[in-house]
Every structure is written in C-alpha cells, then in structure tokens.
PDB file of all heavy atoms in Angstrom:
ATOM      1  N   GLU A   1      -4.681  13.423  11.204  1.00  0.00           N
ATOM      2  CA  GLU A   1      -5.463  14.628  10.902  1.00  0.00           C
ATOM      3  C   GLU A   1      -5.954  14.733   9.468  1.00  0.00           C
ATOM      4  O   GLU A   1      -6.973  15.349   9.217  1.00  0.00           O
ATOM      5  CB  GLU A   1      -4.614  15.872  11.214  1.00  0.00           C
ATOM      6  CG  GLU A   1      -4.178  15.995  12.663  1.00  0.00           C
ATOM      7  CD  GLU A   1      -5.347  16.234  13.603  1.00  0.00           C
ATOM      8  OE1 GLU A   1      -6.348  16.839  13.172  1.00  0.00           O
ATOM      9  OE2 GLU A   1      -5.272  15.776  14.770  1.00  0.00           O
ATOM     10  N   ILE A   2      -5.252  14.125   8.531  1.00  0.00           N
ATOM     11  CA  ILE A   2      -5.505  14.356   7.116  1.00  0.00           C
ATOM     12  C   ILE A   2      -5.554  13.034   6.351  1.00  0.00           C
ATOM     13  O   ILE A   2      -4.695  12.165   6.584  1.00  0.00           O
ATOM     14  CB  ILE A   2      -4.405  15.254   6.498  1.00  0.00           C
ATOM     15  CG1 ILE A   2      -4.230  16.528   7.322  1.00  0.00           C
ATOM     16  CG2 ILE A   2      -4.730  15.592   5.058  1.00  0.00           C
ATOM     17  CD1 ILE A   2      -2.952  17.270   7.015  1.00  0.00           C
ATOM     18  N   PRO A   3      -6.502  12.865   5.455  1.00  0.00           N
ATOM     19  CA  PRO A   3      -6.477  11.658   4.601  1.00  0.00           C
ATOM     20  C   PRO A   3      -5.232  11.644   3.729  1.00  0.00           C
ATOM     21  O   PRO A   3      -4.872  12.649   3.105  1.00  0.00           O
ATOM     22  CB  PRO A   3      -7.755  11.798   3.736  1.00  0.00           C
ATOM     23  CG  PRO A   3      -8.618  12.754   4.497  1.00  0.00           C
ATOM     24  CD  PRO A   3      -7.706  13.686   5.218  1.00  0.00           C
ATOM     25  N   VAL A   4      -4.584  10.514   3.690  1.00  0.00           N
ATOM     26  CA  VAL A   4      -3.310  10.350   2.941  1.00  0.00           C
ATOM     27  C   VAL A   4      -3.451   9.217   1.959  1.00  0.00           C
ATOM     28  O   VAL A   4      -3.876   8.097   2.334  1.00  0.00           O
ATOM     29  CB  VAL A   4      -2.139  10.080   3.877  1.00  0.00           C
ATOM     30  CG1 VAL A   4      -0.852   9.831   3.081  1.00  0.00           C
ATOM     31  CG2 VAL A   4      -1.930  11.301   4.827  1.00  0.00           C
ATOM     32  N   VAL A   5      -3.089   9.463   0.714  1.00  0.00           N
ATOM     33  CA  VAL A   5      -3.070   8.410  -0.271  1.00  0.00           C
ATOM     34  C   VAL A   5      -1.657   8.327  -0.884  1.00  0.00           C
ATOM     35  O   VAL A   5      -1.015   9.364  -1.094  1.00  0.00           O
ATOM     36  CB  VAL A   5      -4.124   8.670  -1.405  1.00  0.00           C
ATOM     37  CG1 VAL A   5      -3.856   9.950  -2.152  1.00  0.00           C
ATOM     38  CG2 VAL A   5      -4.181   7.496  -2.386  1.00  0.00           C
ATOM     39  N   THR A   6      -1.206   7.132  -1.128  1.00  0.00           N
ATOM     40  CA  THR A   6       0.122   6.943  -1.744  1.00  0.00           C
ATOM     41  C   THR A   6       0.129   5.671  -2.538  1.00  0.00           C
ATOM     42  O   THR A   6      -0.760   4.826  -2.425  1.00  0.00           O
ATOM     43  CB  THR A   6       1.204   6.942  -0.671  1.00  0.00           C
ATOM     44  OG1 THR A   6       2.499   7.060  -1.295  1.00  0.00           O
ATOM     45  CG2 THR A   6       1.177   5.647   0.140  1.00  0.00           C
ATOM     46  N   GLY A   7       1.151   5.531  -3.338  1.00  0.00           N
ATOM     47  CA  GLY A   7       1.323   4.306  -4.077  1.00  0.00           C
ATOM     48  C   GLY A   7       1.944   3.221  -3.208  1.00  0.00           C
ATOM     49  O   GLY A   7       2.862   3.485  -2.433  1.00  0.00           O
ATOM     50  N   LEU A   8       1.379   2.028  -3.320  1.00  0.00           N
ATOM     51  CA  LEU A   8       1.958   0.897  -2.601  1.00  0.00           C
ATOM     52  C   LEU A   8       3.183   0.411  -3.339  1.00  0.00           C
ATOM     53  O   LEU A   8       3.104   0.048  -4.510  1.00  0.00           O
ATOM     54  CB  LEU A   8       0.917  -0.239  -2.477  1.00  0.00           C
ATOM     55  CG  LEU A   8       1.372  -1.451  -1.643  1.00  0.00           C
ATOM     56  CD1 LEU A   8       1.625  -1.046  -0.193  1.00  0.00           C
ATOM     57  CD2 LEU A   8       0.357  -2.561  -1.699  1.00  0.00           C
ATOM     58  N   GLY A   9       4.311   0.406  -2.670  1.00  0.00           N
ATOM     59  CA  GLY A   9       5.571   0.054  -3.304  1.00  0.00           C
ATOM     60  C   GLY A   9       5.772  -1.443  -3.385  1.00  0.00           C
ATOM     61  O   GLY A   9       4.812  -2.227  -3.319  1.00  0.00           O
ATOM     62  N   ASP A  10       7.035  -1.848  -3.512  1.00  0.00           N
ATOM     63  CA  ASP A  10       7.328  -3.259  -3.587  1.00  0.00           C
ATOM     64  C   ASP A  10       7.256  -3.895  -2.217  1.00  0.00           C
ATOM     65  O   ASP A  10       7.120  -3.217  -1.185  1.00  0.00           O
ATOM     66  CB  ASP A  10       8.670  -3.524  -4.289  1.00  0.00           C
ATOM     67  CG  ASP A  10       9.813  -2.758  -3.650  1.00  0.00           C
ATOM     68  OD1 ASP A  10       9.560  -1.890  -2.782  1.00  0.00           O
ATOM     69  OD2 ASP A  10      10.962  -3.027  -3.999  1.00  0.00           O
ATOM     70  N   ALA A  11       7.392  -5.221  -2.163  1.00  0.00           N
ATOM     71  CA  ALA A  11       7.132  -5.966  -0.930  1.00  0.00           C
ATOM     72  C   ALA A  11       8.033  -5.577   0.211  1.00  0.00           C
ATOM     73  O   ALA A  11       7.628  -5.623   1.381  1.00  0.00           O
ATOM     74  CB  ALA A  11       7.278  -7.464  -1.201  1.00  0.00           C
ATOM     75  N   VAL A  12       9.249  -5.127  -0.107  1.00  0.00           N
ATOM     76  CA  VAL A  12      10.177  -4.748   0.955  1.00  0.00           C
ATOM     77  C   VAL A  12       9.683  -3.529   1.752  1.00  0.00           C
ATOM     78  O   VAL A  12      10.111  -3.312   2.885  1.00  0.00           O
ATOM     79  CB  VAL A  12      11.579  -4.471   0.376  1.00  0.00           C
ATOM     80  CG1 VAL A  12      11.602  -3.162  -0.383  1.00  0.00           C
ATOM     81  CG2 VAL A  12      12.655  -4.522   1.445  1.00  0.00           C
ATOM     82  N   THR A  13       8.771  -2.760   1.171  1.00  0.00           N
ATOM     83  CA  THR A  13       8.262  -1.556   1.854  1.00  0.00           C
ATOM     84  C   THR A  13       6.999  -1.842   2.699  1.00  0.00           C
ATOM     85  O   THR A  13       6.539  -0.920   3.395  1.00  0.00           O
ATOM     86  CB  THR A  13       7.922  -0.444   0.859  1.00  0.00           C
ATOM     87  OG1 THR A  13       6.779  -0.844   0.041  1.00  0.00           O
ATOM     88  CG2 THR A  13       9.102  -0.176  -0.056  1.00  0.00           C
ATOM     89  N   PHE A  14       6.409  -3.011   2.598  1.00  0.00           N
ATOM     90  CA  PHE A  14       5.137  -3.269   3.262  1.00  0.00           C
ATOM     91  C   PHE A  14       5.229  -3.037   4.754  1.00  0.00           C
ATOM     92  O   PHE A  14       4.227  -2.657   5.378  1.00  0.00           O
ATOM     93  CB  PHE A  14       4.644  -4.697   2.989  1.00  0.00           C
ATOM     94  CG  PHE A  14       4.240  -4.962   1.557  1.00  0.00           C
ATOM     95  CD1 PHE A  14       3.978  -6.253   1.123  1.00  0.00           C
ATOM     96  CD2 PHE A  14       4.146  -3.921   0.619  1.00  0.00           C
ATOM     97  CE1 PHE A  14       3.613  -6.498  -0.193  1.00  0.00           C
ATOM     98  CE2 PHE A  14       3.803  -4.166  -0.683  1.00  0.00           C
ATOM     99  CZ  PHE A  14       3.539  -5.456  -1.090  1.00  0.00           C
ATOM    100  N   GLY A  15       6.336  -3.296   5.353  1.00  0.00           N
ATOM    101  CA  GLY A  15       6.485  -3.089   6.799  1.00  0.00           C
ATOM    102  C   GLY A  15       6.890  -1.701   7.203  1.00  0.00           C
ATOM    103  O   GLY A  15       6.978  -1.393   8.397  1.00  0.00           O
ATOM    104  N   ALA A  16       7.138  -0.847   6.201  1.00  0.00           N
ATOM    105  CA  ALA A  16       7.672   0.470   6.505  1.00  0.00           C
ATOM    106  C   ALA A  16       6.615   1.423   7.124  1.00  0.00           C
ATOM    107  O   ALA A  16       6.970   2.401   7.768  1.00  0.00           O
ATOM    108  CB  ALA A  16       8.204   1.125   5.217  1.00  0.00           C
ATOM    109  N   TYR A  17       5.331   1.114   6.928  1.00  0.00           N
ATOM    110  CA  TYR A  17       4.302   2.014   7.387  1.00  0.00           C
ATOM    111  C   TYR A  17       3.909   1.739   8.853  1.00  0.00           C
ATOM    112  O   TYR A  17       3.290   2.564   9.495  1.00  0.00           O
ATOM    113  CB  TYR A  17       3.063   1.858   6.507  1.00  0.00           C
ATOM    114  CG  TYR A  17       3.366   1.935   5.036  1.00  0.00           C
ATOM    115  CD1 TYR A  17       3.493   0.767   4.273  1.00  0.00           C
ATOM    116  CD2 TYR A  17       3.520   3.131   4.358  1.00  0.00           C
ATOM    117  CE1 TYR A  17       3.772   0.818   2.933  1.00  0.00           C
ATOM    118  CE2 TYR A  17       3.838   3.198   3.046  1.00  0.00           C
ATOM    119  CZ  TYR A  17       3.926   2.022   2.289  1.00  0.00           C
ATOM    120  OH  TYR A  17       4.242   2.068   0.966  1.00  0.00           O
ATOM    121  N   GLY A  18       4.309   0.570   9.373  1.00  0.00           N
ATOM    122  CA  GLY A  18       4.040   0.228  10.765  1.00  0.00           C
ATOM    123  C   GLY A  18       2.549   0.290  11.091  1.00  0.00           C
ATOM    124  O   GLY A  18       1.697  -0.102  10.301  1.00  0.00           O
ATOM    125  N   GLU A  19       2.245   0.860  12.259  1.00  0.00           N
ATOM    126  CA  GLU A  19       0.871   0.958  12.700  1.00  0.00           C
ATOM    127  C   GLU A  19       0.049   1.911  11.812  1.00  0.00           C
ATOM    128  O   GLU A  19      -1.171   1.879  11.849  1.00  0.00           O
ATOM    129  CB  GLU A  19       0.819   1.436  14.159  1.00  0.00           C
ATOM    130  CG  GLU A  19       1.422   0.443  15.142  1.00  0.00           C
ATOM    131  CD  GLU A  19       1.341   0.931  16.552  1.00  0.00           C
ATOM    132  OE1 GLU A  19       0.837   2.060  16.786  1.00  0.00           O
ATOM    133  OE2 GLU A  19       1.779   0.198  17.472  1.00  0.00           O
ATOM    134  N   ALA A  20       0.748   2.711  11.043  1.00  0.00           N
ATOM    135  CA  ALA A  20       0.057   3.666  10.156  1.00  0.00           C
ATOM    136  C   ALA A  20      -0.565   3.003   8.957  1.00  0.00           C
ATOM    137  O   ALA A  20      -1.391   3.619   8.235  1.00  0.00           O
ATOM    138  CB  ALA A  20       1.030   4.725   9.680  1.00  0.00           C
ATOM    139  N   SER A  21      -0.262   1.742   8.707  1.00  0.00           N
ATOM    140  CA  SER A  21      -0.725   1.050   7.530  1.00  0.00           C
ATOM    141  C   SER A  21      -2.227   1.192   7.297  1.00  0.00           C
ATOM    142  O   SER A  21      -2.674   1.395   6.157  1.00  0.00           O
ATOM    143  CB  SER A  21      -0.319  -0.433   7.578  1.00  0.00           C
ATOM    144  OG  SER A  21       1.060  -0.570   7.613  1.00  0.00           O
ATOM    145  N   GLU A  22      -3.004   1.016   8.340  1.00  0.00           N
ATOM    146  CA  GLU A  22      -4.468   1.014   8.209  1.00  0.00           C
ATOM    147  C   GLU A  22      -5.019   2.425   8.032  1.00  0.00           C
ATOM    148  O   GLU A  22      -6.208   2.581   7.774  1.00  0.00           O
ATOM    149  CB  GLU A  22      -5.103   0.311   9.384  1.00  0.00           C
ATOM    150  CG  GLU A  22      -4.726  -1.167   9.464  1.00  0.00           C
ATOM    151  CD  GLU A  22      -5.354  -1.879  10.664  1.00  0.00           C
ATOM    152  OE1 GLU A  22      -5.993  -1.195  11.497  1.00  0.00           O
ATOM    153  OE2 GLU A  22      -5.213  -3.097  10.753  1.00  0.00           O
ATOM    154  N   GLN A  23      -4.172   3.435   8.186  1.00  0.00           N
ATOM    155  CA  GLN A  23      -4.622   4.830   8.015  1.00  0.00           C
ATOM    156  C   GLN A  23      -4.367   5.358   6.618  1.00  0.00           C
ATOM    157  O   GLN A  23      -4.745   6.492   6.317  1.00  0.00           O
ATOM    158  CB  GLN A  23      -3.915   5.734   9.034  1.00  0.00           C
ATOM    159  CG  GLN A  23      -4.235   5.395  10.500  1.00  0.00           C
ATOM    160  CD  GLN A  23      -3.426   6.251  11.456  1.00  0.00           C
ATOM    161  OE1 GLN A  23      -2.295   5.895  11.810  1.00  0.00           O
ATOM    162  NE2 GLN A  23      -3.971   7.388  11.836  1.00  0.00           N
ATOM    163  N   ILE A  24      -3.700   4.592   5.792  1.00  0.00           N
ATOM    164  CA  ILE A  24      -3.294   5.036   4.471  1.00  0.00           C
ATOM    165  C   ILE A  24      -4.125   4.338   3.416  1.00  0.00           C
ATOM    166  O   ILE A  24      -4.374   3.133   3.487  1.00  0.00           O
ATOM    167  CB  ILE A  24      -1.807   4.724   4.229  1.00  0.00           C
ATOM    168  CG1 ILE A  24      -0.941   5.370   5.309  1.00  0.00           C
ATOM    169  CG2 ILE A  24      -1.367   5.221   2.849  1.00  0.00           C
ATOM    170  CD1 ILE A  24       0.507   4.921   5.274  1.00  0.00           C
ATOM    171  N   SER A  25      -4.556   5.115   2.389  1.00  0.00           N
ATOM    172  CA  SER A  25      -5.221   4.542   1.222  1.00  0.00           C
ATOM    173  C   SER A  25      -4.159   4.321   0.163  1.00  0.00           C
ATOM    174  O   SER A  25      -3.417   5.252  -0.190  1.00  0.00           O
ATOM    175  CB  SER A  25      -6.307   5.502   0.687  1.00  0.00           C
ATOM    176  OG  SER A  25      -7.308   5.657   1.658  1.00  0.00           O
ATOM    177  N   PHE A  26      -4.051   3.110  -0.368  1.00  0.00           N
ATOM    178  CA  PHE A  26      -3.011   2.782  -1.312  1.00  0.00           C
ATOM    179  C   PHE A  26      -3.552   2.604  -2.726  1.00  0.00           C
ATOM    180  O   PHE A  26      -4.444   1.811  -2.958  1.00  0.00           O
ATOM    181  CB  PHE A  26      -2.307   1.470  -0.885  1.00  0.00           C
ATOM    182  CG  PHE A  26      -1.522   1.585   0.384  1.00  0.00           C
ATOM    183  CD1 PHE A  26      -2.077   1.117   1.578  1.00  0.00           C
ATOM    184  CD2 PHE A  26      -0.267   2.103   0.413  1.00  0.00           C
ATOM    185  CE1 PHE A  26      -1.358   1.196   2.744  1.00  0.00           C
ATOM    186  CE2 PHE A  26       0.478   2.192   1.570  1.00  0.00           C
ATOM    187  CZ  PHE A  26      -0.101   1.731   2.777  1.00  0.00           C
ATOM    188  N   LEU A  27      -2.951   3.359  -3.665  1.00  0.00           N
ATOM    189  CA  LEU A  27      -3.132   3.023  -5.060  1.00  0.00           C
ATOM    190  C   LEU A  27      -1.994   2.067  -5.423  1.00  0.00           C
ATOM    191  O   LEU A  27      -0.962   2.028  -4.768  1.00  0.00           O
ATOM    192  CB  LEU A  27      -3.078   4.301  -5.921  1.00  0.00           C
ATOM    193  CG  LEU A  27      -1.735   5.083  -5.914  1.00  0.00           C
ATOM    194  CD1 LEU A  27      -0.832   4.671  -7.041  1.00  0.00           C
ATOM    195  CD2 LEU A  27      -2.018   6.557  -5.959  1.00  0.00           C
ATOM    196  N   ASN A  28      -2.229   1.251  -6.423  1.00  0.00           N
ATOM    197  CA  ASN A  28      -1.230   0.197  -6.684  1.00  0.00           C
ATOM    198  C   ASN A  28      -1.140  -0.108  -8.168  1.00  0.00           C
ATOM    199  O   ASN A  28      -2.153  -0.196  -8.881  1.00  0.00           O
ATOM    200  CB  ASN A  28      -1.588  -1.079  -5.914  1.00  0.00           C
ATOM    201  CG  ASN A  28      -0.620  -2.214  -6.164  1.00  0.00           C
ATOM    202  OD1 ASN A  28      -1.006  -3.218  -6.718  1.00  0.00           O
ATOM    203  ND2 ASN A  28       0.617  -2.056  -5.761  1.00  0.00           N
ATOM    204  N   HIS A  29       0.082  -0.294  -8.619  1.00  0.00           N
ATOM    205  CA  HIS A  29       0.379  -0.709 -10.002  1.00  0.00           C
ATOM    206  C   HIS A  29       0.263  -2.216 -10.138  1.00  0.00           C
ATOM    207  O   HIS A  29      -0.310  -2.706 -11.120  1.00  0.00           O
ATOM    208  CB  HIS A  29       1.802  -0.216 -10.358  1.00  0.00           C
ATOM    209  CG  HIS A  29       2.384  -0.787 -11.585  1.00  0.00           C
ATOM    210  ND1 HIS A  29       1.715  -0.839 -12.799  1.00  0.00           N
ATOM    211  CD2 HIS A  29       3.603  -1.355 -11.821  1.00  0.00           C
ATOM    212  CE1 HIS A  29       2.491  -1.407 -13.714  1.00  0.00           C
ATOM    213  NE2 HIS A  29       3.646  -1.754 -13.149  1.00  0.00           N
ATOM    214  N   TYR A  30       0.821  -2.948  -9.186  1.00  0.00           N
ATOM    215  CA  TYR A  30       0.770  -4.417  -9.268  1.00  0.00           C
ATOM    216  C   TYR A  30       1.238  -5.036  -7.969  1.00  0.00           C
ATOM    217  O   TYR A  30       2.167  -4.581  -7.309  1.00  0.00           O
ATOM    218  CB  TYR A  30       1.685  -4.915 -10.396  1.00  0.00           C
ATOM    219  CG  TYR A  30       1.796  -6.428 -10.451  1.00  0.00           C
ATOM    220  CD1 TYR A  30       0.863  -7.183 -11.119  1.00  0.00           C
ATOM    221  CD2 TYR A  30       2.851  -7.095  -9.828  1.00  0.00           C
ATOM    222  CE1 TYR A  30       0.945  -8.586 -11.150  1.00  0.00           C
ATOM    223  CE2 TYR A  30       2.968  -8.475  -9.847  1.00  0.00           C
ATOM    224  CZ  TYR A  30       1.997  -9.207 -10.551  1.00  0.00           C
ATOM    225  OH  TYR A  30       2.092 -10.592 -10.577  1.00  0.00           O
ATOM    226  N   PHE A  31       0.530  -6.097  -7.563  1.00  0.00           N
ATOM    227  CA  PHE A  31       1.097  -7.080  -6.638  1.00  0.00           C
ATOM    228  C   PHE A  31       0.554  -8.445  -7.105  1.00  0.00           C
ATOM    229  O   PHE A  31      -0.477  -8.495  -7.791  1.00  0.00           O
ATOM    230  CB  PHE A  31       0.744  -6.771  -5.174  1.00  0.00           C
ATOM    231  CG  PHE A  31      -0.695  -6.972  -4.765  1.00  0.00           C
ATOM    232  CD1 PHE A  31      -1.126  -8.181  -4.230  1.00  0.00           C
ATOM    233  CD2 PHE A  31      -1.619  -5.956  -4.904  1.00  0.00           C
ATOM    234  CE1 PHE A  31      -2.464  -8.388  -3.858  1.00  0.00           C
ATOM    235  CE2 PHE A  31      -2.948  -6.119  -4.532  1.00  0.00           C
ATOM    236  CZ  PHE A  31      -3.358  -7.324  -3.998  1.00  0.00           C
ATOM    237  N   PRO A  32       1.211  -9.548  -6.835  1.00  0.00           N
ATOM    238  CA  PRO A  32       0.877 -10.810  -7.445  1.00  0.00           C
ATOM    239  C   PRO A  32      -0.576 -11.242  -7.297  1.00  0.00           C
ATOM    240  O   PRO A  32      -1.123 -11.938  -8.173  1.00  0.00           O
ATOM    241  CB  PRO A  32       1.838 -11.813  -6.803  1.00  0.00           C
ATOM    242  CG  PRO A  32       3.017 -10.976  -6.429  1.00  0.00           C
ATOM    243  CD  PRO A  32       2.435  -9.651  -6.015  1.00  0.00           C
ATOM    244  N   GLY A  33      -1.205 -10.846  -6.204  1.00  0.00           N
ATOM    245  CA  GLY A  33      -2.602 -11.268  -5.961  1.00  0.00           C
ATOM    246  C   GLY A  33      -3.635 -10.383  -6.561  1.00  0.00           C
ATOM    247  O   GLY A  33      -4.851 -10.668  -6.457  1.00  0.00           O
ATOM    248  N   ALA A  34      -3.241  -9.312  -7.241  1.00  0.00           N
ATOM    249  CA  ALA A  34      -4.248  -8.366  -7.769  1.00  0.00           C
ATOM    250  C   ALA A  34      -4.930  -8.867  -9.037  1.00  0.00           C
ATOM    251  O   ALA A  34      -6.146  -8.957  -9.115  1.00  0.00           O
ATOM    252  CB  ALA A  34      -3.610  -6.989  -8.013  1.00  0.00           C
ATOM    253  N   PRO A  35      -4.182  -9.210 -10.090  1.00  0.00           N
ATOM    254  CA  PRO A  35      -4.834  -9.680 -11.331  1.00  0.00           C
ATOM    255  C   PRO A  35      -5.255 -11.151 -11.178  1.00  0.00           C
ATOM    256  O   PRO A  35      -4.680 -11.909 -10.392  1.00  0.00           O
ATOM    257  CB  PRO A  35      -3.724  -9.587 -12.381  1.00  0.00           C
ATOM    258  CG  PRO A  35      -2.590  -8.846 -11.761  1.00  0.00           C
ATOM    259  CD  PRO A  35      -2.712  -9.066 -10.289  1.00  0.00           C
ATOM    260  N   ASP A  36      -6.230 -11.531 -11.974  1.00  0.00           N
ATOM    261  CA  ASP A  36      -6.689 -12.920 -12.013  1.00  0.00           C
ATOM    262  C   ASP A  36      -6.800 -13.356 -13.450  1.00  0.00           C
ATOM    263  O   ASP A  36      -7.849 -13.224 -14.083  1.00  0.00           O
ATOM    264  CB  ASP A  36      -8.056 -13.032 -11.296  1.00  0.00           C
ATOM    265  CG  ASP A  36      -8.564 -14.472 -11.246  1.00  0.00           C
ATOM    266  OD1 ASP A  36      -7.774 -15.367 -11.505  1.00  0.00           O
ATOM    267  OD2 ASP A  36      -9.776 -14.660 -10.941  1.00  0.00           O
ATOM    268  N   ASN A  37      -5.675 -13.824 -14.017  1.00  0.00           N
ATOM    269  CA  ASN A  37      -5.661 -14.277 -15.395  1.00  0.00           C
ATOM    270  C   ASN A  37      -4.537 -15.258 -15.623  1.00  0.00           C
ATOM    271  O   ASN A  37      -3.637 -15.401 -14.823  1.00  0.00           O
ATOM    272  CB  ASN A  37      -5.570 -13.105 -16.361  1.00  0.00           C
ATOM    273  CG  ASN A  37      -4.275 -12.309 -16.208  1.00  0.00           C
ATOM    274  OD1 ASN A  37      -3.208 -12.783 -16.498  1.00  0.00           O
ATOM    275  ND2 ASN A  37      -4.394 -11.098 -15.688  1.00  0.00           N
TER     276      ASN A  37
END
C-alpha cells in the first residue's frame, strides 16, 4: 500500500526481506560492488 525506503544492511540481512525485496527502495552506505576505485 505504501512506498517504503530503508537502509540496506549487511549481507546476512539480504534474505530477510523475502519476496518483499523488489518492493523496497534501499539507501546504502556500502557494499563491495558499489564503489569503483
């Protein structure tokens, strides 16, 4: 019903959202594939 945004946690939490994963907008501090340097 409602747009939901949250911070993407560490890797152990990636499976916690289940089928809801594609319904959530994630802000993120870091994951290994984000920066390119």
